[in-house]
């Protein structure tokens, strides 16, 4: 599985547990940001929303359950998968965690291989191309393993940036992305690029997709950004 640019926010107040889990996540290719309490986690989420959150229940300042509740009640973050980690093994606790919006609930001590599998499962749900799955939208088909894009019977030749833009759009059709969001997701959070660069590459993507005919599938949302469909 290709996991480039998949951002994991790891929220764990025990340093040894946090570093062990971060080491294993990074070994699989994930980009990991760390938080040692709930307040720091919310600050990092506000700075840049991650692709997935691994969240300990019992933490100082702000509990994991409250962080999960806040994440799942915000329109801009509610689709982010949350895996809750907890030493609470009672069924009622698991139900409470899931009712708060957690997508998965893992009891400590956990098996690292199983936890990694659960992370991959959540990533597959929100970032299917990262798992090599094929994506389709109307008559556009994208093969994430071969990086081939077809529109109808015609192959579409795309540059690397245009390809990553198309993957981003096709993973969440109809979602409107701002230019800043596209910069983070396609170029990376640590790279400075002017937002006008997004417009240039969107224009190139549109030209490639319509070169053999067909309508332009990319919608401009005035004052906000772009969407597919």
Protein backbone atom coordinates (compact mmCIF):
# COMPACT_ATOMS: atom_id res chain seq x y z
CA UNK A 1 0.00 0.00 0.00
CA UNK A 2 1.26 3.46 -0.90
CA UNK A 3 0.68 5.77 2.05
CA UNK A 4 2.55 8.88 0.90
CA UNK A 5 1.13 12.09 2.33
CA UNK A 6 -1.29 10.27 4.62
CA UNK A 7 -1.21 12.28 7.82
CA UNK A 8 -1.80 10.54 11.16
CA UNK A 9 -2.42 12.50 14.36
CA UNK A 10 -1.33 10.34 17.31
CA UNK A 11 -2.70 11.53 20.65
CA UNK A 12 -1.21 9.64 23.61
CA UNK A 13 -0.03 11.03 26.97
CA UNK A 14 2.32 8.13 27.81
CA UNK A 15 5.68 8.94 26.14
CA UNK A 16 6.82 5.32 25.74
CA UNK A 17 3.52 4.23 24.17
CA UNK A 18 3.45 7.31 21.96
CA UNK A 19 6.95 6.80 20.59
CA UNK A 20 6.52 3.05 20.05
CA UNK A 21 3.33 3.56 18.10
CA UNK A 22 4.77 6.51 16.16
CA UNK A 23 7.81 4.41 15.22
CA UNK A 24 5.62 1.65 13.82
CA UNK A 25 3.37 4.06 11.93
CA UNK A 26 6.36 5.82 10.39
CA UNK A 27 7.89 2.45 9.47
CA UNK A 28 4.79 1.84 7.32
CA UNK A 29 5.25 5.20 5.62
CA UNK A 30 2.73 7.37 7.43
CA UNK A 31 3.52 10.97 8.34
CA UNK A 32 2.91 11.22 12.09
CA UNK A 33 2.19 14.27 14.20
CA UNK A 34 2.20 13.74 17.95
CA UNK A 35 0.13 15.28 20.76
CA UNK A 36 0.45 14.46 24.43
CA UNK A 37 -2.91 15.81 25.58
CA UNK A 38 -6.34 16.69 24.24
CA UNK A 39 -5.79 20.44 24.11
CA UNK A 40 -2.63 20.04 22.02
CA UNK A 41 -4.53 17.65 19.76
CA UNK A 42 -7.27 20.21 19.09
CA UNK A 43 -4.64 22.86 18.34
CA UNK A 44 -2.96 20.59 15.77
CA UNK A 45 -6.31 19.70 14.21
CA UNK A 46 -7.13 23.40 13.88
CA UNK A 47 -3.77 24.01 12.21
CA UNK A 48 -4.19 21.22 9.64
CA UNK A 49 -6.76 18.44 9.65
CA UNK A 50 -5.15 14.96 9.56
CA UNK A 51 -6.34 12.01 7.48
CA UNK A 52 -6.82 9.83 10.57
CA UNK A 53 -6.66 10.28 14.36
CA UNK A 54 -5.44 7.68 16.85
CA UNK A 55 -6.71 8.87 20.20
CA UNK A 56 -6.16 7.74 23.76
CA UNK A 57 -9.24 7.98 26.00
CA UNK A 58 -7.64 8.94 29.34
CA UNK A 59 -5.58 12.12 29.01
CA UNK A 60 -4.95 15.27 31.03
CA UNK A 61 -6.51 18.66 30.24
CA UNK A 62 -9.02 17.30 27.73
CA UNK A 63 -10.12 13.67 27.51
CA UNK A 64 -10.01 11.66 24.32
CA UNK A 65 -13.76 11.21 24.43
CA UNK A 66 -14.23 15.00 24.44
CA UNK A 67 -11.73 15.45 21.60
CA UNK A 68 -13.64 12.83 19.60
CA UNK A 69 -16.95 14.58 20.31
CA UNK A 70 -15.58 17.92 19.11
CA UNK A 71 -14.04 16.42 15.98
CA UNK A 72 -17.26 14.62 15.04
CA UNK A 73 -19.52 17.64 15.60
CA UNK A 74 -17.53 19.95 13.32
CA UNK A 75 -18.57 19.79 9.65
CA UNK A 76 -14.99 20.27 8.47
CA UNK A 77 -13.57 17.38 10.55
CA UNK A 78 -16.43 14.93 11.15
CA UNK A 79 -15.36 12.65 8.27
CA UNK A 80 -11.89 12.07 9.78
CA UNK A 81 -11.66 8.49 11.09
CA UNK A 82 -10.97 8.24 14.82
CA UNK A 83 -9.51 5.10 16.39
CA UNK A 84 -10.01 5.25 20.16
CA UNK A 85 -7.44 3.55 22.42
CA UNK A 86 -8.52 2.70 25.95
CA UNK A 87 -7.66 0.52 28.92
CA UNK A 88 -11.41 0.41 29.62
CA UNK A 89 -12.48 -3.06 28.60
CA UNK A 90 -16.14 -3.00 29.64
CA UNK A 91 -18.68 -3.21 26.86
CA UNK A 92 -20.43 -0.09 28.11
CA UNK A 93 -17.21 1.91 27.65
CA UNK A 94 -16.75 0.68 24.08
CA UNK A 95 -20.37 1.59 23.33
CA UNK A 96 -19.85 5.05 24.79
CA UNK A 97 -16.74 5.59 22.69
CA UNK A 98 -18.48 4.49 19.49
CA UNK A 99 -21.59 6.51 20.33
CA UNK A 100 -19.38 9.60 20.64
CA UNK A 101 -18.38 9.06 17.03
CA UNK A 102 -15.24 6.92 17.18
CA UNK A 103 -14.89 4.74 14.09
CA UNK A 104 -13.04 1.98 15.93
CA UNK A 105 -12.32 1.10 19.56
CA UNK A 106 -9.13 -0.75 20.59
CA UNK A 107 -8.54 -2.05 24.11
CA UNK A 108 -5.11 -1.71 25.72
CA UNK A 109 -2.82 -3.58 25.74
CA UNK A 110 -3.24 -3.99 22.02
CA UNK A 111 -1.46 -6.09 19.41
CA UNK A 112 0.54 -3.74 17.19
CA UNK A 113 -0.04 -5.77 14.03
CA UNK A 114 -3.79 -5.74 14.64
CA UNK A 115 -3.77 -2.00 15.30
CA UNK A 116 -1.82 -1.37 12.09
CA UNK A 117 -4.39 -3.44 10.20
CA UNK A 118 -7.18 -1.34 11.69
CA UNK A 119 -5.38 1.84 10.65
CA UNK A 120 -5.06 0.52 7.09
CA UNK A 121 -8.75 -0.34 7.08
CA UNK A 122 -9.73 3.21 8.02
CA UNK A 123 -7.29 4.69 5.50
CA UNK A 124 -8.77 2.45 2.81
CA UNK A 125 -12.19 3.90 3.58
CA UNK A 126 -11.21 7.58 3.32
CA UNK A 127 -8.23 7.37 0.95
CA UNK A 128 -8.97 4.37 -1.32
CA UNK A 129 -6.31 5.29 -3.88
CA UNK A 130 -3.67 4.92 -1.16
CA UNK A 131 -4.63 1.25 -0.99
CA UNK A 132 -4.29 0.81 -4.74
CA UNK A 133 -8.02 0.71 -5.37
CA UNK A 134 -9.47 1.82 -8.70
CA UNK A 135 -11.49 5.03 -8.71
CA UNK A 136 -14.26 5.99 -11.10
CA UNK A 137 -16.31 9.09 -11.72
CA UNK A 138 -18.75 9.15 -14.64
CA UNK A 139 -16.63 8.06 -17.62
CA UNK A 140 -13.28 8.70 -15.88
CA UNK A 141 -11.42 5.67 -14.49
CA UNK A 142 -8.21 5.90 -12.46
CA UNK A 143 -6.03 2.88 -11.69
CA UNK A 144 -4.04 3.76 -8.57
CA UNK A 145 -1.64 0.83 -9.02
CA UNK A 146 -0.58 1.63 -12.59
CA UNK A 147 -1.28 5.38 -12.41
CA UNK A 148 -3.26 5.12 -15.67
CA UNK A 149 -6.25 7.37 -16.25
CA UNK A 150 -8.87 6.60 -18.86
CA UNK A 151 -11.78 8.68 -20.07
CA UNK A 152 -14.04 6.39 -21.98
CA UNK A 153 -11.74 4.51 -24.38
CA UNK A 154 -9.04 7.20 -24.38
CA UNK A 155 -6.02 7.21 -22.09
CA UNK A 156 -5.38 10.58 -20.42
CA UNK A 157 -1.76 11.63 -20.02
CA UNK A 158 -1.21 13.59 -16.81
CA UNK A 159 1.78 15.11 -15.10
CA UNK A 160 2.50 14.05 -11.48
CA UNK A 161 0.81 17.09 -9.92
CA UNK A 162 -2.26 16.84 -12.14
CA UNK A 163 -2.49 13.13 -11.31
CA UNK A 164 -2.41 13.83 -7.55
CA UNK A 165 -5.05 16.54 -7.99
CA UNK A 166 -7.31 14.12 -9.83
CA UNK A 167 -6.84 11.45 -7.13
CA UNK A 168 -7.80 13.99 -4.47
CA UNK A 169 -10.95 14.97 -6.34
CA UNK A 170 -11.95 11.40 -7.23
CA UNK A 171 -11.57 10.14 -3.66
CA UNK A 172 -14.19 12.68 -2.56
CA UNK A 173 -16.38 13.61 -5.54
CA UNK A 174 -18.62 16.66 -5.06
CA UNK A 175 -16.59 17.84 -2.07
CA UNK A 176 -15.42 21.42 -2.46
CA UNK A 177 -11.72 21.90 -1.74
CA UNK A 178 -10.23 25.30 -1.04
CA UNK A 179 -6.93 26.21 -2.66
CA UNK A 180 -5.18 25.96 0.71
CA UNK A 181 -6.60 22.47 1.26
CA UNK A 182 -5.41 21.38 -2.16
CA UNK A 183 -1.96 22.80 -1.45
CA UNK A 184 -1.74 20.76 1.76
CA UNK A 185 -3.04 17.55 0.22
CA UNK A 186 -1.26 17.65 -3.16
CA UNK A 187 1.94 19.62 -2.58
CA UNK A 188 2.41 18.90 1.13
CA UNK A 189 2.12 20.92 4.31
CA UNK A 190 5.83 21.73 4.56
CA UNK A 191 6.19 23.16 1.05
CA UNK A 192 5.44 26.80 0.31
CA UNK A 193 3.61 27.28 -2.98
CA UNK A 194 1.56 30.28 -4.00
CA UNK A 195 -2.17 29.53 -4.15
CA UNK A 196 -2.23 30.76 -7.76
CA UNK A 197 -0.17 27.68 -8.63
CA UNK A 198 -3.27 25.62 -7.85
CA UNK A 199 -5.20 27.49 -10.55
CA UNK A 200 -2.46 26.79 -13.10
CA UNK A 201 -2.48 23.04 -12.44
CA UNK A 202 -6.28 22.90 -12.35
CA UNK A 203 -6.26 24.48 -15.81
CA UNK A 204 -3.77 21.85 -17.03
CA UNK A 205 -5.89 19.06 -15.56
CA UNK A 206 -9.01 20.42 -17.22
CA UNK A 207 -7.23 20.66 -20.56
CA UNK A 208 -6.03 17.06 -20.33
CA UNK A 209 -9.44 15.71 -19.32
CA UNK A 210 -11.25 17.48 -22.17
CA UNK A 211 -8.58 17.06 -24.86
CA UNK A 212 -10.41 14.14 -26.50
CA UNK A 213 -13.83 15.76 -26.04
CA UNK A 214 -16.34 15.58 -23.22
CA UNK A 215 -17.51 18.15 -20.73
CA UNK A 216 -15.28 19.67 -18.07
CA UNK A 217 -15.93 17.64 -14.88
CA UNK A 218 -14.24 20.15 -12.55
CA UNK A 219 -16.50 22.75 -11.02
CA UNK A 220 -15.24 26.15 -9.88
CA UNK A 221 -16.94 27.33 -6.69
CA UNK A 222 -16.53 31.08 -6.71
CA UNK A 223 -14.80 32.41 -3.63
CA UNK A 224 -14.15 28.91 -2.27
CA UNK A 225 -12.28 26.54 -4.57
CA UNK A 226 -12.90 23.52 -6.77
CA UNK A 227 -14.88 20.28 -6.82
CA UNK A 228 -15.31 17.29 -9.09
CA UNK A 229 -18.89 17.18 -10.31
